[in-house]
Amino acid sequence: MTGLGHSLRIEWVASVEPDSPSSGRMSIFKGTAGLIVAVAVVALLLIAFPAYRLFFFVSVGIGVIVAAILFLWHKYRPLKDKDIENKRPLGLS
């Protein structure tokens, strides 16, 4: 445990390309293979851990409710042209 006089050193590493070899982070699975691996991991966790099932279904339920609220909000209160201040932010015509 550190005292009040000690400082905490934080390093920030920024990279233009997140999957470049110089960033130290390489993605093994990309595209469709990555999606398949992600679904397989979630399926294995759902089968293996009952507590994970509860968390997963509660999270999906909250996500569906929020998506429905946002959908209905924008369906019945669409944006109008007067609501948008800068219609051409890049100056393209």
PDB file of N, CA and C in Angstrom:
ATOM      1  N   MET A   1       0.848  -1.180   0.000  1.00  0.00           N
ATOM      2  CA  MET A   1       0.000   0.000   0.000  1.00  0.00           C
ATOM      3  C   MET A   1       0.888   1.235   0.000  1.00  0.00           C
ATOM      4  N   THR A   2       0.557   2.206  -0.804  1.00  0.00           N
ATOM      5  CA  THR A   2       1.390   3.391  -0.929  1.00  0.00           C
ATOM      6  C   THR A   2       0.884   4.493  -0.011  1.00  0.00           C
ATOM      7  N   GLY A   3       1.800   5.359   0.390  1.00  0.00           N
ATOM      8  CA  GLY A   3       1.435   6.494   1.227  1.00  0.00           C
ATOM      9  C   GLY A   3       0.946   7.648   0.374  1.00  0.00           C
ATOM     10  N   LEU A   4       0.571   8.722   1.036  1.00  0.00           N
ATOM     11  CA  LEU A   4       0.043   9.876   0.316  1.00  0.00           C
ATOM     12  C   LEU A   4       1.105  10.604  -0.487  1.00  0.00           C
ATOM     13  N   GLY A   5       2.360  10.479  -0.106  1.00  0.00           N
ATOM     14  CA  GLY A   5       3.425  11.185  -0.783  1.00  0.00           C
ATOM     15  C   GLY A   5       3.887  10.533  -2.071  1.00  0.00           C
ATOM     16  N   HIS A   6       3.497   9.298  -2.330  1.00  0.00           N
ATOM     17  CA  HIS A   6       3.937   8.598  -3.531  1.00  0.00           C
ATOM     18  C   HIS A   6       3.080   9.007  -4.722  1.00  0.00           C
ATOM     19  N   SER A   7       3.703   9.057  -5.876  1.00  0.00           N
ATOM     20  CA  SER A   7       2.953   9.418  -7.079  1.00  0.00           C
ATOM     21  C   SER A   7       2.685   8.170  -7.905  1.00  0.00           C
ATOM     22  N   LEU A   8       1.655   8.240  -8.673  1.00  0.00           N
ATOM     23  CA  LEU A   8       1.257   7.131  -9.537  1.00  0.00           C
ATOM     24  C   LEU A   8       1.691   7.459 -10.960  1.00  0.00           C
ATOM     25  N   ARG A   9       2.400   6.549 -11.578  1.00  0.00           N
ATOM     26  CA  ARG A   9       2.892   6.763 -12.941  1.00  0.00           C
ATOM     27  C   ARG A   9       1.940   6.075 -13.906  1.00  0.00           C
ATOM     28  N   ILE A  10       1.428   6.839 -14.854  1.00  0.00           N
ATOM     29  CA  ILE A  10       0.511   6.314 -15.858  1.00  0.00           C
ATOM     30  C   ILE A  10       1.139   6.514 -17.226  1.00  0.00           C
ATOM     31  N   GLU A  11       1.168   5.448 -18.009  1.00  0.00           N
ATOM     32  CA  GLU A  11       1.700   5.542 -19.365  1.00  0.00           C
ATOM     33  C   GLU A  11       0.559   5.487 -20.361  1.00  0.00           C
ATOM     34  N   TRP A  12       0.611   6.362 -21.316  1.00  0.00           N
ATOM     35  CA  TRP A  12      -0.403   6.398 -22.360  1.00  0.00           C
ATOM     36  C   TRP A  12       0.279   6.019 -23.672  1.00  0.00           C
ATOM     37  N   VAL A  13      -0.204   4.954 -24.294  1.00  0.00           N
ATOM     38  CA  VAL A  13       0.371   4.505 -25.546  1.00  0.00           C
ATOM     39  C   VAL A  13      -0.670   4.718 -26.624  1.00  0.00           C
ATOM     40  N   ALA A  14      -0.349   5.540 -27.602  1.00  0.00           N
ATOM     41  CA  ALA A  14      -1.276   5.824 -28.682  1.00  0.00           C
ATOM     42  C   ALA A  14      -0.699   5.298 -29.981  1.00  0.00           C
ATOM     43  N   SER A  15      -1.576   4.764 -30.791  1.00  0.00           N
ATOM     44  CA  SER A  15      -1.155   4.242 -32.076  1.00  0.00           C
ATOM     45  C   SER A  15      -2.208   4.600 -33.106  1.00  0.00           C
ATOM     46  N   VAL A  16      -1.772   4.930 -34.310  1.00  0.00           N
ATOM     47  CA  VAL A  16      -2.720   5.260 -35.363  1.00  0.00           C
ATOM     48  C   VAL A  16      -3.461   4.008 -35.812  1.00  0.00           C
ATOM     49  N   GLU A  17      -2.757   2.913 -35.905  1.00  0.00           N
ATOM     50  CA  GLU A  17      -3.352   1.649 -36.309  1.00  0.00           C
ATOM     51  C   GLU A  17      -3.367   0.703 -35.117  1.00  0.00           C
ATOM     52  N   PRO A  18      -4.586   0.418 -34.554  1.00  0.00           N
ATOM     53  CA  PRO A  18      -4.626  -0.392 -33.347  1.00  0.00           C
ATOM     54  C   PRO A  18      -4.145  -1.828 -33.530  1.00  0.00           C
ATOM     55  N   ASP A  19      -4.228  -2.391 -34.722  1.00  0.00           N
ATOM     56  CA  ASP A  19      -3.810  -3.769 -34.934  1.00  0.00           C
ATOM     57  C   ASP A  19      -2.422  -3.876 -35.571  1.00  0.00           C
ATOM     58  N   SER A  20      -1.677  -2.781 -35.579  1.00  0.00           N
ATOM     59  CA  SER A  20      -0.349  -2.834 -36.173  1.00  0.00           C
ATOM     60  C   SER A  20       0.604  -3.572 -35.235  1.00  0.00           C
ATOM     61  N   PRO A  21       1.627  -4.225 -35.763  1.00  0.00           N
ATOM     62  CA  PRO A  21       2.568  -4.964 -34.923  1.00  0.00           C
ATOM     63  C   PRO A  21       3.276  -4.080 -33.901  1.00  0.00           C
ATOM     64  N   SER A  22       3.462  -2.806 -34.198  1.00  0.00           N
ATOM     65  CA  SER A  22       4.174  -1.935 -33.272  1.00  0.00           C
ATOM     66  C   SER A  22       3.343  -1.589 -32.043  1.00  0.00           C
ATOM     67  N   SER A  23       2.023  -1.746 -32.115  1.00  0.00           N
ATOM     68  CA  SER A  23       1.183  -1.389 -30.973  1.00  0.00           C
ATOM     69  C   SER A  23       1.193  -2.465 -29.896  1.00  0.00           C
ATOM     70  N   GLY A  24       1.702  -3.661 -30.199  1.00  0.00           N
ATOM     71  CA  GLY A  24       1.742  -4.723 -29.218  1.00  0.00           C
ATOM     72  C   GLY A  24       0.439  -5.487 -29.107  1.00  0.00           C
ATOM     73  N   ARG A  25      -0.548  -5.128 -29.888  1.00  0.00           N
ATOM     74  CA  ARG A  25      -1.850  -5.784 -29.831  1.00  0.00           C
ATOM     75  C   ARG A  25      -2.182  -6.310 -31.221  1.00  0.00           C
ATOM     76  N   MET A  26      -2.275  -7.608 -31.337  1.00  0.00           N
ATOM     77  CA  MET A  26      -2.586  -8.210 -32.630  1.00  0.00           C
ATOM     78  C   MET A  26      -3.893  -8.963 -32.511  1.00  0.00           C
ATOM     79  N   SER A  27      -4.724  -8.842 -33.513  1.00  0.00           N
ATOM     80  CA  SER A  27      -5.989  -9.554 -33.532  1.00  0.00           C
ATOM     81  C   SER A  27      -5.781 -10.872 -34.277  1.00  0.00           C
ATOM     82  N   ILE A  28      -6.106 -11.966 -33.612  1.00  0.00           N
ATOM     83  CA  ILE A  28      -5.940 -13.272 -34.239  1.00  0.00           C
ATOM     84  C   ILE A  28      -7.102 -13.560 -35.180  1.00  0.00           C
ATOM     85  N   PHE A  29      -8.313 -13.222 -34.728  1.00  0.00           N
ATOM     86  CA  PHE A  29      -9.508 -13.520 -35.506  1.00  0.00           C
ATOM     87  C   PHE A  29     -10.102 -12.218 -36.033  1.00  0.00           C
ATOM     88  N   LYS A  30     -10.293 -12.156 -37.343  1.00  0.00           N
ATOM     89  CA  LYS A  30     -10.852 -10.961 -37.958  1.00  0.00           C
ATOM     90  C   LYS A  30     -12.066 -11.343 -38.791  1.00  0.00           C
ATOM     91  N   GLY A  31     -12.973 -10.410 -38.962  1.00  0.00           N
ATOM     92  CA  GLY A  31     -14.128 -10.605 -39.822  1.00  0.00           C
ATOM     93  C   GLY A  31     -15.070 -11.678 -39.319  1.00  0.00           C
ATOM     94  N   THR A  32     -15.469 -12.557 -40.225  1.00  0.00           N
ATOM     95  CA  THR A  32     -16.432 -13.609 -39.907  1.00  0.00           C
ATOM     96  C   THR A  32     -15.880 -14.583 -38.877  1.00  0.00           C
ATOM     97  N   ALA A  33     -14.598 -14.896 -38.959  1.00  0.00           N
ATOM     98  CA  ALA A  33     -13.994 -15.805 -37.984  1.00  0.00           C
ATOM     99  C   ALA A  33     -14.067 -15.220 -36.579  1.00  0.00           C
ATOM    100  N   GLY A  34     -13.841 -13.922 -36.442  1.00  0.00           N
ATOM    101  CA  GLY A  34     -13.940 -13.265 -35.145  1.00  0.00           C
ATOM    102  C   GLY A  34     -15.340 -13.319 -34.581  1.00  0.00           C
ATOM    103  N   LEU A  35     -16.335 -13.132 -35.445  1.00  0.00           N
ATOM    104  CA  LEU A  35     -17.730 -13.215 -35.017  1.00  0.00           C
ATOM    105  C   LEU A  35     -18.080 -14.621 -34.543  1.00  0.00           C
ATOM    106  N   ILE A  36     -17.619 -15.616 -35.276  1.00  0.00           N
ATOM    107  CA  ILE A  36     -17.887 -17.010 -34.906  1.00  0.00           C
ATOM    108  C   ILE A  36     -17.224 -17.345 -33.570  1.00  0.00           C
ATOM    109  N   VAL A  37     -15.991 -16.903 -33.371  1.00  0.00           N
ATOM    110  CA  VAL A  37     -15.290 -17.154 -32.114  1.00  0.00           C
ATOM    111  C   VAL A  37     -16.007 -16.454 -30.958  1.00  0.00           C
ATOM    112  N   ALA A  38     -16.455 -15.211 -31.163  1.00  0.00           N
ATOM    113  CA  ALA A  38     -17.159 -14.477 -30.113  1.00  0.00           C
ATOM    114  C   ALA A  38     -18.453 -15.178 -29.721  1.00  0.00           C
ATOM    115  N   VAL A  39     -19.222 -15.643 -30.714  1.00  0.00           N
ATOM    116  CA  VAL A  39     -20.472 -16.360 -30.429  1.00  0.00           C
ATOM    117  C   VAL A  39     -20.180 -17.672 -29.705  1.00  0.00           C
ATOM    118  N   ALA A  40     -19.119 -18.360 -30.103  1.00  0.00           N
ATOM    119  CA  ALA A  40     -18.763 -19.624 -29.448  1.00  0.00           C
ATOM    120  C   ALA A  40     -18.361 -19.401 -27.996  1.00  0.00           C
ATOM    121  N   VAL A  41     -17.599 -18.341 -27.724  1.00  0.00           N
ATOM    122  CA  VAL A  41     -17.190 -18.048 -26.348  1.00  0.00           C
ATOM    123  C   VAL A  41     -18.411 -17.727 -25.490  1.00  0.00           C
ATOM    124  N   VAL A  42     -19.310 -16.911 -26.015  1.00  0.00           N
ATOM    125  CA  VAL A  42     -20.523 -16.584 -25.263  1.00  0.00           C
ATOM    126  C   VAL A  42     -21.351 -17.838 -25.022  1.00  0.00           C
ATOM    127  N   ALA A  43     -21.496 -18.698 -26.026  1.00  0.00           N
ATOM    128  CA  ALA A  43     -22.261 -19.935 -25.863  1.00  0.00           C
ATOM    129  C   ALA A  43     -21.633 -20.840 -24.805  1.00  0.00           C
ATOM    130  N   LEU A  44     -20.310 -20.972 -24.832  1.00  0.00           N
ATOM    131  CA  LEU A  44     -19.633 -21.795 -23.825  1.00  0.00           C
ATOM    132  C   LEU A  44     -19.828 -21.230 -22.414  1.00  0.00           C
ATOM    133  N   LEU A  45     -19.743 -19.919 -22.275  1.00  0.00           N
ATOM    134  CA  LEU A  45     -19.952 -19.308 -20.969  1.00  0.00           C
ATOM    135  C   LEU A  45     -21.392 -19.484 -20.492  1.00  0.00           C
ATOM    136  N   LEU A  46     -22.349 -19.387 -21.410  1.00  0.00           N
ATOM    137  CA  LEU A  46     -23.751 -19.584 -21.040  1.00  0.00           C
ATOM    138  C   LEU A  46     -24.003 -21.013 -20.575  1.00  0.00           C
ATOM    139  N   ILE A  47     -23.332 -21.969 -21.199  1.00  0.00           N
ATOM    140  CA  ILE A  47     -23.497 -23.372 -20.819  1.00  0.00           C
ATOM    141  C   ILE A  47     -22.773 -23.659 -19.500  1.00  0.00           C
ATOM    142  N   ALA A  48     -21.580 -23.120 -19.335  1.00  0.00           N
ATOM    143  CA  ALA A  48     -20.735 -23.479 -18.192  1.00  0.00           C
ATOM    144  C   ALA A  48     -21.131 -22.802 -16.879  1.00  0.00           C
ATOM    145  N   PHE A  49     -21.546 -21.544 -16.936  1.00  0.00           N
ATOM    146  CA  PHE A  49     -21.767 -20.782 -15.706  1.00  0.00           C
ATOM    147  C   PHE A  49     -23.207 -20.291 -15.603  1.00  0.00           C
ATOM    148  N   PRO A  50     -23.980 -20.822 -14.649  1.00  0.00           N
ATOM    149  CA  PRO A  50     -25.375 -20.387 -14.487  1.00  0.00           C
ATOM    150  C   PRO A  50     -25.505 -18.892 -14.148  1.00  0.00           C
ATOM    151  N   ALA A  51     -24.583 -18.350 -13.358  1.00  0.00           N
ATOM    152  CA  ALA A  51     -24.652 -16.930 -13.016  1.00  0.00           C
ATOM    153  C   ALA A  51     -24.450 -16.065 -14.261  1.00  0.00           C
ATOM    154  N   TYR A  52     -23.631 -16.533 -15.185  1.00  0.00           N
ATOM    155  CA  TYR A  52     -23.397 -15.797 -16.424  1.00  0.00           C
ATOM    156  C   TYR A  52     -24.674 -15.752 -17.260  1.00  0.00           C
ATOM    157  N   ARG A  53     -25.455 -16.840 -17.209  1.00  0.00           N
ATOM    158  CA  ARG A  53     -26.737 -16.859 -17.935  1.00  0.00           C
ATOM    159  C   ARG A  53     -27.643 -15.749 -17.450  1.00  0.00           C
ATOM    160  N   LEU A  54     -27.770 -15.610 -16.140  1.00  0.00           N
ATOM    161  CA  LEU A  54     -28.619 -14.565 -15.569  1.00  0.00           C
ATOM    162  C   LEU A  54     -28.125 -13.189 -15.996  1.00  0.00           C
ATOM    163  N   PHE A  55     -26.835 -12.939 -15.857  1.00  0.00           N
ATOM    164  CA  PHE A  55     -26.262 -11.654 -16.256  1.00  0.00           C
ATOM    165  C   PHE A  55     -26.497 -11.388 -17.741  1.00  0.00           C
ATOM    166  N   PHE A  56     -26.287 -12.390 -18.574  1.00  0.00           N
ATOM    167  CA  PHE A  56     -26.446 -12.236 -20.013  1.00  0.00           C
ATOM    168  C   PHE A  56     -27.884 -11.871 -20.373  1.00  0.00           C
ATOM    169  N   PHE A  57     -28.847 -12.608 -19.835  1.00  0.00           N
ATOM    170  CA  PHE A  57     -30.244 -12.360 -20.195  1.00  0.00           C
ATOM    171  C   PHE A  57     -30.760 -11.039 -19.626  1.00  0.00           C
ATOM    172  N   VAL A  58     -30.296 -10.646 -18.447  1.00  0.00           N
ATOM    173  CA  VAL A  58     -30.665  -9.339 -17.912  1.00  0.00           C
ATOM    174  C   VAL A  58     -30.073  -8.237 -18.790  1.00  0.00           C
ATOM    175  N   SER A  59     -28.830  -8.398 -19.208  1.00  0.00           N
ATOM    176  CA  SER A  59     -28.182  -7.403 -20.068  1.00  0.00           C
ATOM    177  C   SER A  59     -28.873  -7.297 -21.423  1.00  0.00           C
ATOM    178  N   VAL A  60     -29.211  -8.433 -22.017  1.00  0.00           N
ATOM    179  CA  VAL A  60     -29.911  -8.416 -23.301  1.00  0.00           C
ATOM    180  C   VAL A  60     -31.287  -7.766 -23.142  1.00  0.00           C
ATOM    181  N   GLY A  61     -31.965  -8.077 -22.052  1.00  0.00           N
ATOM    182  CA  GLY A  61     -33.277  -7.477 -21.792  1.00  0.00           C
ATOM    183  C   GLY A  61     -33.205  -5.967 -21.673  1.00  0.00           C
ATOM    184  N   ILE A  62     -32.208  -5.472 -20.918  1.00  0.00           N
ATOM    185  CA  ILE A  62     -32.035  -4.023 -20.781  1.00  0.00           C
ATOM    186  C   ILE A  62     -31.708  -3.398 -22.134  1.00  0.00           C
ATOM    187  N   GLY A  63     -30.859  -4.052 -22.914  1.00  0.00           N
ATOM    188  CA  GLY A  63     -30.513  -3.537 -24.240  1.00  0.00           C
ATOM    189  C   GLY A  63     -31.710  -3.457 -25.172  1.00  0.00           C
ATOM    190  N   VAL A  64     -32.578  -4.473 -25.139  1.00  0.00           N
ATOM    191  CA  VAL A  64     -33.780  -4.475 -25.989  1.00  0.00           C
ATOM    192  C   VAL A  64     -34.733  -3.357 -25.558  1.00  0.00           C
ATOM    193  N   ILE A  65     -34.886  -3.159 -24.250  1.00  0.00           N
ATOM    194  CA  ILE A  65     -35.772  -2.099 -23.756  1.00  0.00           C
ATOM    195  C   ILE A  65     -35.253  -0.723 -24.165  1.00  0.00           C
ATOM    196  N   VAL A  66     -33.962  -0.483 -24.010  1.00  0.00           N
ATOM    197  CA  VAL A  66     -33.382   0.809 -24.404  1.00  0.00           C
ATOM    198  C   VAL A  66     -33.504   1.019 -25.910  1.00  0.00           C
ATOM    199  N   ALA A  67     -33.263  -0.025 -26.699  1.00  0.00           N
ATOM    200  CA  ALA A  67     -33.394   0.092 -28.158  1.00  0.00           C
ATOM    201  C   ALA A  67     -34.832   0.410 -28.552  1.00  0.00           C
ATOM    202  N   ALA A  68     -35.804  -0.222 -27.894  1.00  0.00           N
ATOM    203  CA  ALA A  68     -37.219   0.040 -28.197  1.00  0.00           C
ATOM    204  C   ALA A  68     -37.595   1.473 -27.842  1.00  0.00           C
ATOM    205  N   ILE A  69     -37.119   1.959 -26.694  1.00  0.00           N
ATOM    206  CA  ILE A  69     -37.412   3.339 -26.294  1.00  0.00           C
ATOM    207  C   ILE A  69     -36.817   4.320 -27.302  1.00  0.00           C
ATOM    208  N   LEU A  70     -35.565   4.109 -27.697  1.00  0.00           N
ATOM    209  CA  LEU A  70     -34.936   5.003 -28.680  1.00  0.00           C
ATOM    210  C   LEU A  70     -35.636   4.939 -30.029  1.00  0.00           C
ATOM    211  N   PHE A  71     -36.038   3.743 -30.451  1.00  0.00           N
ATOM    212  CA  PHE A  71     -36.744   3.592 -31.727  1.00  0.00           C
ATOM    213  C   PHE A  71     -38.057   4.371 -31.706  1.00  0.00           C
ATOM    214  N   LEU A  72     -38.847   4.189 -30.637  1.00  0.00           N
ATOM    215  CA  LEU A  72     -40.134   4.878 -30.551  1.00  0.00           C
ATOM    216  C   LEU A  72     -39.949   6.383 -30.411  1.00  0.00           C
ATOM    217  N   TRP A  73     -38.931   6.809 -29.655  1.00  0.00           N
ATOM    218  CA  TRP A  73     -38.668   8.240 -29.502  1.00  0.00           C
ATOM    219  C   TRP A  73     -38.403   8.888 -30.868  1.00  0.00           C
ATOM    220  N   HIS A  74     -37.532   8.278 -31.663  1.00  0.00           N
ATOM    221  CA  HIS A  74     -37.184   8.862 -32.955  1.00  0.00           C
ATOM    222  C   HIS A  74     -38.273   8.646 -34.000  1.00  0.00           C
ATOM    223  N   LYS A  75     -39.116   7.665 -33.801  1.00  0.00           N
ATOM    224  CA  LYS A  75     -40.236   7.451 -34.728  1.00  0.00           C
ATOM    225  C   LYS A  75     -41.282   8.553 -34.563  1.00  0.00           C
ATOM    226  N   TYR A  76     -41.576   8.912 -33.308  1.00  0.00           N
ATOM    227  CA  TYR A  76     -42.622   9.898 -33.053  1.00  0.00           C
ATOM    228  C   TYR A  76     -42.096  11.314 -32.870  1.00  0.00           C
ATOM    229  N   ARG A  77     -40.799  11.502 -32.771  1.00  0.00           N
ATOM    230  CA  ARG A  77     -40.186  12.827 -32.672  1.00  0.00           C
ATOM    231  C   ARG A  77     -38.997  12.909 -33.629  1.00  0.00           C
ATOM    232  N   PRO A  78     -39.246  12.814 -34.944  1.00  0.00           N
ATOM    233  CA  PRO A  78     -38.125  12.826 -35.900  1.00  0.00           C
ATOM    234  C   PRO A  78     -37.447  14.196 -35.942  1.00  0.00           C
ATOM    235  N   LEU A  79     -36.190  14.189 -36.368  1.00  0.00           N
ATOM    236  CA  LEU A  79     -35.455  15.436 -36.530  1.00  0.00           C
ATOM    237  C   LEU A  79     -36.024  16.213 -37.705  1.00  0.00           C
ATOM    238  N   LYS A  80     -36.111  17.519 -37.527  1.00  0.00           N
ATOM    239  CA  LYS A  80     -36.562  18.399 -38.610  1.00  0.00           C
ATOM    240  C   LYS A  80     -35.357  19.192 -39.111  1.00  0.00           C
ATOM    241  N   ASP A  81     -35.487  19.764 -40.293  1.00  0.00           N
ATOM    242  CA  ASP A  81     -34.371  20.541 -40.853  1.00  0.00           C
ATOM    243  C   ASP A  81     -33.975  21.696 -39.943  1.00  0.00           C
ATOM    244  N   LYS A  82     -34.948  22.317 -39.269  1.00  0.00           N
ATOM    245  CA  LYS A  82     -34.618  23.453 -38.402  1.00  0.00           C
ATOM    246  C   LYS A  82     -33.866  23.019 -37.144  1.00  0.00           C
ATOM    247  N   ASP A  83     -33.930  21.723 -36.783  1.00  0.00           N
ATOM    248  CA  ASP A  83     -33.220  21.211 -35.605  1.00  0.00           C
ATOM    249  C   ASP A  83     -31.721  21.066 -35.856  1.00  0.00           C
ATOM    250  N   ILE A  84     -31.325  20.979 -37.122  1.00  0.00           N
ATOM    251  CA  ILE A  84     -29.922  20.760 -37.482  1.00  0.00           C
ATOM    252  C   ILE A  84     -29.314  22.102 -37.855  1.00  0.00           C
ATOM    253  N   GLU A  85     -28.302  22.518 -37.091  1.00  0.00           N
ATOM    254  CA  GLU A  85     -27.722  23.845 -37.314  1.00  0.00           C
ATOM    255  C   GLU A  85     -26.801  23.867 -38.527  1.00  0.00           C
ATOM    256  N   ASN A  86     -25.821  22.986 -38.576  1.00  0.00           N
ATOM    257  CA  ASN A  86     -24.844  22.998 -39.650  1.00  0.00           C
ATOM    258  C   ASN A  86     -25.123  21.806 -40.568  1.00  0.00           C
ATOM    259  N   LYS A  87     -25.889  22.053 -41.640  1.00  0.00           N
ATOM    260  CA  LYS A  87     -26.320  20.967 -42.515  1.00  0.00           C
ATOM    261  C   LYS A  87     -25.181  20.421 -43.381  1.00  0.00           C
ATOM    262  N   ARG A  88     -24.150  21.219 -43.621  1.00  0.00           N
ATOM    263  CA  ARG A  88     -23.014  20.780 -44.436  1.00  0.00           C
ATOM    264  C   ARG A  88     -21.712  21.105 -43.688  1.00  0.00           C
ATOM    265  N   PRO A  89     -21.348  20.270 -42.697  1.00  0.00           N
ATOM    266  CA  PRO A  89     -20.172  20.590 -41.878  1.00  0.00           C
ATOM    267  C   PRO A  89     -18.853  20.573 -42.649  1.00  0.00           C
ATOM    268  N   LEU A  90     -18.781  19.820 -43.742  1.00  0.00           N
ATOM    269  CA  LEU A  90     -17.539  19.752 -44.510  1.00  0.00           C
ATOM    270  C   LEU A  90     -17.501  20.770 -45.641  1.00  0.00           C
ATOM    271  N   GLY A  91     -18.593  21.494 -45.819  1.00  0.00           N
ATOM    272  CA  GLY A  91     -18.652  22.492 -46.873  1.00  0.00           C
ATOM    273  C   GLY A  91     -18.819  21.922 -48.271  1.00  0.00           C
ATOM    274  N   LEU A  92     -19.233  20.672 -48.382  1.00  0.00           N
ATOM    275  CA  LEU A  92     -19.439  20.051 -49.695  1.00  0.00           C
ATOM    276  C   LEU A  92     -20.829  20.421 -50.206  1.00  0.00           C
ATOM    277  N   SER A  93     -20.956  20.579 -51.525  1.00  0.00           N
ATOM    278  CA  SER A  93     -22.274  20.915 -52.055  1.00  0.00           C
ATOM    279  C   SER A  93     -22.836  19.837 -52.938  1.00  0.00           C
TER     280      SER A  93
END
